[in-house]
Amino acid sequence: MKDALKQYILGQVKYPKEEEIVEILSLFREKQFKKGDFFKKPFTVGKHLAFLPKGAVRIIVYKKNGEEVTARIRENNSFITDPFRLGGKNSPPFGIECLEDLSLLIAPIEEVQKLLDTNLMLNIVIRQHLREQIITLGQSHLLFLTGTAKERYKFILENNQELLKNVPLRFIASMIGITPTQLSRIRKKKKNE
């Protein structure tokens, strides 16, 4: 399983150093999760960074009225963490739920932060990952502000083709800010085009 993380690292770094890879891999241990388990429970402080070699997790935001909104779906070769943990010790109203039985490689966030001070490869990998996430979030946010539901759905199709095969449509509808019924109408129109 750590081989998937090693391959991911090698794909991100031009001049890899074996000793730095060994340091990174030594932080992570494999942990099994069942479908519906939370990697990070809502209203708790996240304590780990995870690497998801294969599978899918859902980032859920809980509203004050108890409703939940699917903020994002993360799939294969993704890092997952509580972003609020990086800036403090808040207990944000979101959780990270496993959408299937899966294995995650997890590392204590404090240990990752310590290694960032000395390991150039880890810095490169995290920086590249954050760059990709910022671009995706920026595009998604812009579509939310200026685009239609149809355009947001098209964005999902173009950037996450596997998502539709593996994730319930109600989560996708929630991600793009519409009801499942509205999503069904958009999908029906798209098929007829």
C-alpha atoms as a PDB file:
ATOM      1  CA  MET A   1       0.000   0.000   0.000  1.00  0.00           C
ATOM      2  CA  LYS A   2       2.849   2.387   0.751  1.00  0.00           C
ATOM      3  CA  ASP A   3       4.023   1.695  -2.785  1.00  0.00           C
ATOM      4  CA  ALA A   4       1.051   3.739  -4.086  1.00  0.00           C
ATOM      5  CA  LEU A   5       2.220   6.717  -2.015  1.00  0.00           C
ATOM      6  CA  LYS A   6       5.799   6.219  -3.184  1.00  0.00           C
ATOM      7  CA  GLN A   7       4.667   6.203  -6.820  1.00  0.00           C
ATOM      8  CA  TYR A   8       2.612   9.343  -6.216  1.00  0.00           C
ATOM      9  CA  ILE A   9       5.676  11.061  -4.707  1.00  0.00           C
ATOM     10  CA  LEU A  10       7.878   9.985  -7.612  1.00  0.00           C
ATOM     11  CA  GLY A  11       5.322  11.427 -10.021  1.00  0.00           C
ATOM     12  CA  GLN A  12       5.497  14.815  -8.296  1.00  0.00           C
ATOM     13  CA  VAL A  13       9.246  15.239  -7.736  1.00  0.00           C
ATOM     14  CA  LYS A  14      11.838  15.679 -10.500  1.00  0.00           C
ATOM     15  CA  TYR A  15      14.912  14.647  -8.530  1.00  0.00           C
ATOM     16  CA  PRO A  16      13.812  12.182  -5.855  1.00  0.00           C
ATOM     17  CA  LYS A  17      16.043  11.243  -2.943  1.00  0.00           C
ATOM     18  CA  GLU A  18      15.509   7.766  -1.579  1.00  0.00           C
ATOM     19  CA  GLU A  19      16.314   8.762   2.021  1.00  0.00           C
ATOM     20  CA  GLU A  20      13.624  11.460   1.935  1.00  0.00           C
ATOM     21  CA  ILE A  21      11.085   9.006   0.509  1.00  0.00           C
ATOM     22  CA  VAL A  22      11.897   6.571   3.316  1.00  0.00           C
ATOM     23  CA  GLU A  23      11.370   9.373   5.889  1.00  0.00           C
ATOM     24  CA  ILE A  24       7.980  10.247   4.407  1.00  0.00           C
ATOM     25  CA  LEU A  25       6.777   6.654   4.184  1.00  0.00           C
ATOM     26  CA  SER A  26       7.864   5.967   7.772  1.00  0.00           C
ATOM     27  CA  LEU A  27       5.248   8.447   9.036  1.00  0.00           C
ATOM     28  CA  PHE A  28       2.319   6.579   7.500  1.00  0.00           C
ATOM     29  CA  ARG A  29       0.523   3.478   8.640  1.00  0.00           C
ATOM     30  CA  GLU A  30      -2.345   1.660   6.968  1.00  0.00           C
ATOM     31  CA  LYS A  31      -5.784   1.846   8.528  1.00  0.00           C
ATOM     32  CA  GLN A  32      -8.963   0.133   7.324  1.00  0.00           C
ATOM     33  CA  PHE A  33     -12.301   1.933   7.144  1.00  0.00           C
ATOM     34  CA  LYS A  34     -15.775   0.611   6.374  1.00  0.00           C
ATOM     35  CA  LYS A  35     -18.297   2.355   4.169  1.00  0.00           C
ATOM     36  CA  GLY A  36     -19.932   5.071   6.283  1.00  0.00           C
ATOM     37  CA  ASP A  37     -17.031   5.350   8.748  1.00  0.00           C
ATOM     38  CA  PHE A  38     -15.635   8.796   9.374  1.00  0.00           C
ATOM     39  CA  PHE A  39     -11.954   9.505   8.855  1.00  0.00           C
ATOM     40  CA  LYS A  40     -12.672  12.805  10.614  1.00  0.00           C
ATOM     41  CA  LYS A  41     -15.832  13.041  12.701  1.00  0.00           C
ATOM     42  CA  PRO A  42     -17.890  16.237  12.530  1.00  0.00           C
ATOM     43  CA  PHE A  43     -17.210  18.879  15.200  1.00  0.00           C
ATOM     44  CA  THR A  44     -13.874  17.335  16.136  1.00  0.00           C
ATOM     45  CA  VAL A  45     -10.307  18.434  15.515  1.00  0.00           C
ATOM     46  CA  GLY A  46      -8.557  16.390  12.827  1.00  0.00           C
ATOM     47  CA  LYS A  47      -5.340  14.786  14.002  1.00  0.00           C
ATOM     48  CA  HIS A  48      -4.097  13.028  10.875  1.00  0.00           C
ATOM     49  CA  LEU A  49      -3.109  13.526   7.286  1.00  0.00           C
ATOM     50  CA  ALA A  50      -4.270  10.672   5.084  1.00  0.00           C
ATOM     51  CA  PHE A  51      -3.328   9.477   1.645  1.00  0.00           C
ATOM     52  CA  LEU A  52      -6.137   7.799  -0.280  1.00  0.00           C
ATOM     53  CA  PRO A  53      -4.552   5.483  -2.857  1.00  0.00           C
ATOM     54  CA  LYS A  54      -7.882   4.138  -4.120  1.00  0.00           C
ATOM     55  CA  GLY A  55     -11.516   4.789  -3.315  1.00  0.00           C
ATOM     56  CA  ALA A  56     -13.604   7.808  -2.420  1.00  0.00           C
ATOM     57  CA  VAL A  57     -14.428   9.946   0.606  1.00  0.00           C
ATOM     58  CA  ARG A  58     -16.991  12.684   1.015  1.00  0.00           C
ATOM     59  CA  ILE A  59     -16.366  15.959   2.800  1.00  0.00           C
ATOM     60  CA  ILE A  60     -19.613  16.927   4.511  1.00  0.00           C
ATOM     61  CA  VAL A  61     -20.504  20.291   6.017  1.00  0.00           C
ATOM     62  CA  TYR A  62     -23.221  20.299   8.669  1.00  0.00           C
ATOM     63  CA  LYS A  63     -25.544  23.302   8.804  1.00  0.00           C
ATOM     64  CA  LYS A  64     -26.941  24.660  12.075  1.00  0.00           C
ATOM     65  CA  ASN A  65     -30.360  23.230  11.186  1.00  0.00           C
ATOM     66  CA  GLY A  66     -28.869  19.728  10.967  1.00  0.00           C
ATOM     67  CA  GLU A  67     -28.827  19.473   7.184  1.00  0.00           C
ATOM     68  CA  GLU A  68     -25.692  18.221   5.523  1.00  0.00           C
ATOM     69  CA  VAL A  69     -24.067  19.478   2.348  1.00  0.00           C
ATOM     70  CA  THR A  70     -21.534  17.528   0.332  1.00  0.00           C
ATOM     71  CA  ALA A  71     -18.693  19.986  -0.118  1.00  0.00           C
ATOM     72  CA  ARG A  72     -16.356  17.736  -2.113  1.00  0.00           C
ATOM     73  CA  ILE A  73     -15.667  14.189  -3.100  1.00  0.00           C
ATOM     74  CA  ARG A  74     -12.025  13.111  -2.950  1.00  0.00           C
ATOM     75  CA  GLU A  75     -10.879  10.106  -4.935  1.00  0.00           C
ATOM     76  CA  ASN A  76      -7.785   8.087  -5.839  1.00  0.00           C
ATOM     77  CA  ASN A  77      -4.328   9.477  -5.075  1.00  0.00           C
ATOM     78  CA  SER A  78      -5.504  12.275  -2.809  1.00  0.00           C
ATOM     79  CA  PHE A  79      -4.329  13.708   0.468  1.00  0.00           C
ATOM     80  CA  ILE A  80      -7.070  14.276   3.011  1.00  0.00           C
ATOM     81  CA  THR A  81      -6.927  16.313   6.189  1.00  0.00           C
ATOM     82  CA  ASP A  82      -8.788  18.793   8.337  1.00  0.00           C
ATOM     83  CA  PRO A  83      -7.714  22.109   6.771  1.00  0.00           C
ATOM     84  CA  PHE A  84      -8.870  24.022   9.850  1.00  0.00           C
ATOM     85  CA  ARG A  85      -6.383  22.025  11.933  1.00  0.00           C
ATOM     86  CA  LEU A  86      -3.563  23.636  10.023  1.00  0.00           C
ATOM     87  CA  GLY A  87      -4.618  27.068  11.253  1.00  0.00           C
ATOM     88  CA  GLY A  88      -5.610  26.285  14.815  1.00  0.00           C
ATOM     89  CA  LYS A  89      -7.501  23.907  17.019  1.00  0.00           C
ATOM     90  CA  ASN A  90     -11.083  24.699  15.993  1.00  0.00           C
ATOM     91  CA  SER A  91     -13.740  21.981  15.847  1.00  0.00           C
ATOM     92  CA  PRO A  92     -15.284  22.743  12.453  1.00  0.00           C
ATOM     93  CA  PRO A  93     -18.737  21.502  11.477  1.00  0.00           C
ATOM     94  CA  PHE A  94     -17.529  19.105   8.830  1.00  0.00           C
ATOM     95  CA  GLY A  95     -16.707  15.453   8.590  1.00  0.00           C
ATOM     96  CA  ILE A  96     -14.891  13.208   6.158  1.00  0.00           C
ATOM     97  CA  GLU A  97     -16.895  10.064   5.426  1.00  0.00           C
ATOM     98  CA  CYS A  98     -15.727   6.935   3.595  1.00  0.00           C
ATOM     99  CA  LEU A  99     -17.984   6.171   0.632  1.00  0.00           C
ATOM    100  CA  GLU A 100     -16.816   2.574   0.440  1.00  0.00           C
ATOM    101  CA  ASP A 101     -14.686   0.084   2.340  1.00  0.00           C
ATOM    102  CA  LEU A 102     -11.148   1.365   1.906  1.00  0.00           C
ATOM    103  CA  SER A 103      -7.638   1.569   3.258  1.00  0.00           C
ATOM    104  CA  LEU A 104      -6.028   4.884   4.059  1.00  0.00           C
ATOM    105  CA  LEU A 105      -2.426   5.614   4.849  1.00  0.00           C
ATOM    106  CA  ILE A 106      -2.531   7.910   7.866  1.00  0.00           C
ATOM    107  CA  ALA A 107       0.134   9.991   9.603  1.00  0.00           C
ATOM    108  CA  PRO A 108      -0.101  12.208  12.710  1.00  0.00           C
ATOM    109  CA  ILE A 109      -0.361  15.804  11.508  1.00  0.00           C
ATOM    110  CA  GLU A 110       2.202  16.982  14.100  1.00  0.00           C
ATOM    111  CA  GLU A 111       4.778  14.540  12.717  1.00  0.00           C
ATOM    112  CA  VAL A 112       4.041  15.660   9.155  1.00  0.00           C
ATOM    113  CA  GLN A 113       4.496  19.293  10.172  1.00  0.00           C
ATOM    114  CA  LYS A 114       7.855  18.499  11.823  1.00  0.00           C
ATOM    115  CA  LEU A 115       9.082  16.661   8.740  1.00  0.00           C
ATOM    116  CA  LEU A 116       8.069  19.593   6.528  1.00  0.00           C
ATOM    117  CA  ASP A 117      10.853  21.564   8.241  1.00  0.00           C
ATOM    118  CA  THR A 118      13.555  19.232   6.934  1.00  0.00           C
ATOM    119  CA  ASN A 119      12.254  17.164   4.011  1.00  0.00           C
ATOM    120  CA  LEU A 120      12.295  18.958   0.649  1.00  0.00           C
ATOM    121  CA  MET A 121      10.400  16.194  -1.158  1.00  0.00           C
ATOM    122  CA  LEU A 122       7.504  16.339   1.284  1.00  0.00           C
ATOM    123  CA  ASN A 123       7.362  20.095   0.776  1.00  0.00           C
ATOM    124  CA  ILE A 124       7.246  19.672  -3.003  1.00  0.00           C
ATOM    125  CA  VAL A 125       4.534  17.006  -2.840  1.00  0.00           C
ATOM    126  CA  ILE A 126       2.347  18.996  -0.424  1.00  0.00           C
ATOM    127  CA  ARG A 127       2.874  22.209  -2.389  1.00  0.00           C
ATOM    128  CA  GLN A 128       1.865  20.503  -5.667  1.00  0.00           C
ATOM    129  CA  HIS A 129      -1.182  18.944  -4.025  1.00  0.00           C
ATOM    130  CA  LEU A 130      -2.256  22.271  -2.522  1.00  0.00           C
ATOM    131  CA  ARG A 131      -1.750  24.021  -5.850  1.00  0.00           C
ATOM    132  CA  GLU A 132      -4.055  21.533  -7.594  1.00  0.00           C
ATOM    133  CA  GLN A 133      -6.650  21.859  -4.849  1.00  0.00           C
ATOM    134  CA  ILE A 134      -6.592  25.661  -4.916  1.00  0.00           C
ATOM    135  CA  ILE A 135      -7.103  25.686  -8.680  1.00  0.00           C
ATOM    136  CA  THR A 136      -9.994  23.212  -8.455  1.00  0.00           C
ATOM    137  CA  LEU A 137     -11.610  25.066  -5.553  1.00  0.00           C
ATOM    138  CA  GLY A 138     -11.196  28.383  -7.343  1.00  0.00           C
ATOM    139  CA  GLN A 139     -12.835  27.061 -10.511  1.00  0.00           C
ATOM    140  CA  SER A 140     -15.631  25.483  -8.512  1.00  0.00           C
ATOM    141  CA  HIS A 141     -16.212  28.639  -6.467  1.00  0.00           C
ATOM    142  CA  LEU A 142     -16.269  30.806  -9.590  1.00  0.00           C
ATOM    143  CA  LEU A 143     -18.863  28.500 -11.154  1.00  0.00           C
ATOM    144  CA  PHE A 144     -20.961  28.727  -8.012  1.00  0.00           C
ATOM    145  CA  LEU A 145     -20.893  32.513  -8.205  1.00  0.00           C
ATOM    146  CA  THR A 146     -21.347  32.950 -11.940  1.00  0.00           C
ATOM    147  CA  GLY A 147     -22.473  29.659 -13.481  1.00  0.00           C
ATOM    148  CA  THR A 148     -25.715  27.782 -13.825  1.00  0.00           C
ATOM    149  CA  ALA A 149     -26.461  24.400 -12.304  1.00  0.00           C
ATOM    150  CA  LYS A 150     -25.958  22.895 -15.760  1.00  0.00           C
ATOM    151  CA  GLU A 151     -22.485  24.455 -15.998  1.00  0.00           C
ATOM    152  CA  ARG A 152     -21.560  23.199 -12.513  1.00  0.00           C
ATOM    153  CA  TYR A 153     -22.673  19.687 -13.478  1.00  0.00           C
ATOM    154  CA  LYS A 154     -20.653  19.917 -16.709  1.00  0.00           C
ATOM    155  CA  PHE A 155     -17.600  20.903 -14.627  1.00  0.00           C
ATOM    156  CA  ILE A 156     -18.087  17.775 -12.487  1.00  0.00           C
ATOM    157  CA  LEU A 157     -18.371  15.618 -15.617  1.00  0.00           C
ATOM    158  CA  GLU A 158     -15.232  17.055 -17.176  1.00  0.00           C
ATOM    159  CA  ASN A 159     -13.092  16.882 -14.027  1.00  0.00           C
ATOM    160  CA  ASN A 160     -14.393  13.769 -12.269  1.00  0.00           C
ATOM    161  CA  GLN A 161     -15.654  11.309 -14.870  1.00  0.00           C
ATOM    162  CA  GLU A 162     -15.327   8.336 -12.521  1.00  0.00           C
ATOM    163  CA  LEU A 163     -17.327  10.148  -9.868  1.00  0.00           C
ATOM    164  CA  LEU A 164     -20.654   9.445 -11.552  1.00  0.00           C
ATOM    165  CA  LYS A 165     -19.956   5.714 -11.579  1.00  0.00           C
ATOM    166  CA  ASN A 166     -19.083   5.482  -7.895  1.00  0.00           C
ATOM    167  CA  VAL A 167     -21.015   8.165  -6.000  1.00  0.00           C
ATOM    168  CA  PRO A 168     -24.761   8.493  -5.340  1.00  0.00           C
ATOM    169  CA  LEU A 169     -26.313  11.273  -7.408  1.00  0.00           C
ATOM    170  CA  ARG A 170     -27.738  12.948  -4.291  1.00  0.00           C
ATOM    171  CA  PHE A 171     -24.172  13.721  -3.174  1.00  0.00           C
ATOM    172  CA  ILE A 172     -23.320  15.198  -6.561  1.00  0.00           C
ATOM    173  CA  ALA A 173     -26.510  17.285  -6.485  1.00  0.00           C
ATOM    174  CA  SER A 174     -25.534  18.556  -3.047  1.00  0.00           C
ATOM    175  CA  MET A 175     -22.024  19.397  -4.282  1.00  0.00           C
ATOM    176  CA  ILE A 176     -23.369  21.611  -7.049  1.00  0.00           C
ATOM    177  CA  GLY A 177     -26.073  23.197  -4.906  1.00  0.00           C
ATOM    178  CA  ILE A 178     -29.234  21.682  -6.362  1.00  0.00           C
ATOM    179  CA  THR A 179     -31.784  19.036  -5.449  1.00  0.00           C
ATOM    180  CA  PRO A 180     -31.559  15.457  -6.770  1.00  0.00           C
ATOM    181  CA  THR A 181     -34.713  16.148  -8.822  1.00  0.00           C
ATOM    182  CA  GLN A 182     -33.084  19.146 -10.492  1.00  0.00           C
ATOM    183  CA  LEU A 183     -30.009  17.045 -11.245  1.00  0.00           C
ATOM    184  CA  SER A 184     -32.201  14.368 -12.837  1.00  0.00           C
ATOM    185  CA  ARG A 185     -33.734  17.004 -15.124  1.00  0.00           C
ATOM    186  CA  ILE A 186     -30.300  18.333 -16.131  1.00  0.00           C
ATOM    187  CA  ARG A 187     -29.060  14.797 -16.844  1.00  0.00           C
ATOM    188  CA  LYS A 188     -32.171  14.006 -18.881  1.00  0.00           C
ATOM    189  CA  LYS A 189     -31.745  17.152 -20.990  1.00  0.00           C
ATOM    190  CA  LYS A 190     -28.055  16.361 -21.493  1.00  0.00           C
ATOM    191  CA  LYS A 191     -28.902  12.859 -22.799  1.00  0.00           C
ATOM    192  CA  ASN A 192     -31.401  14.345 -25.262  1.00  0.00           C
ATOM    193  CA  GLU A 193     -28.904  16.883 -26.648  1.00  0.00           C
END
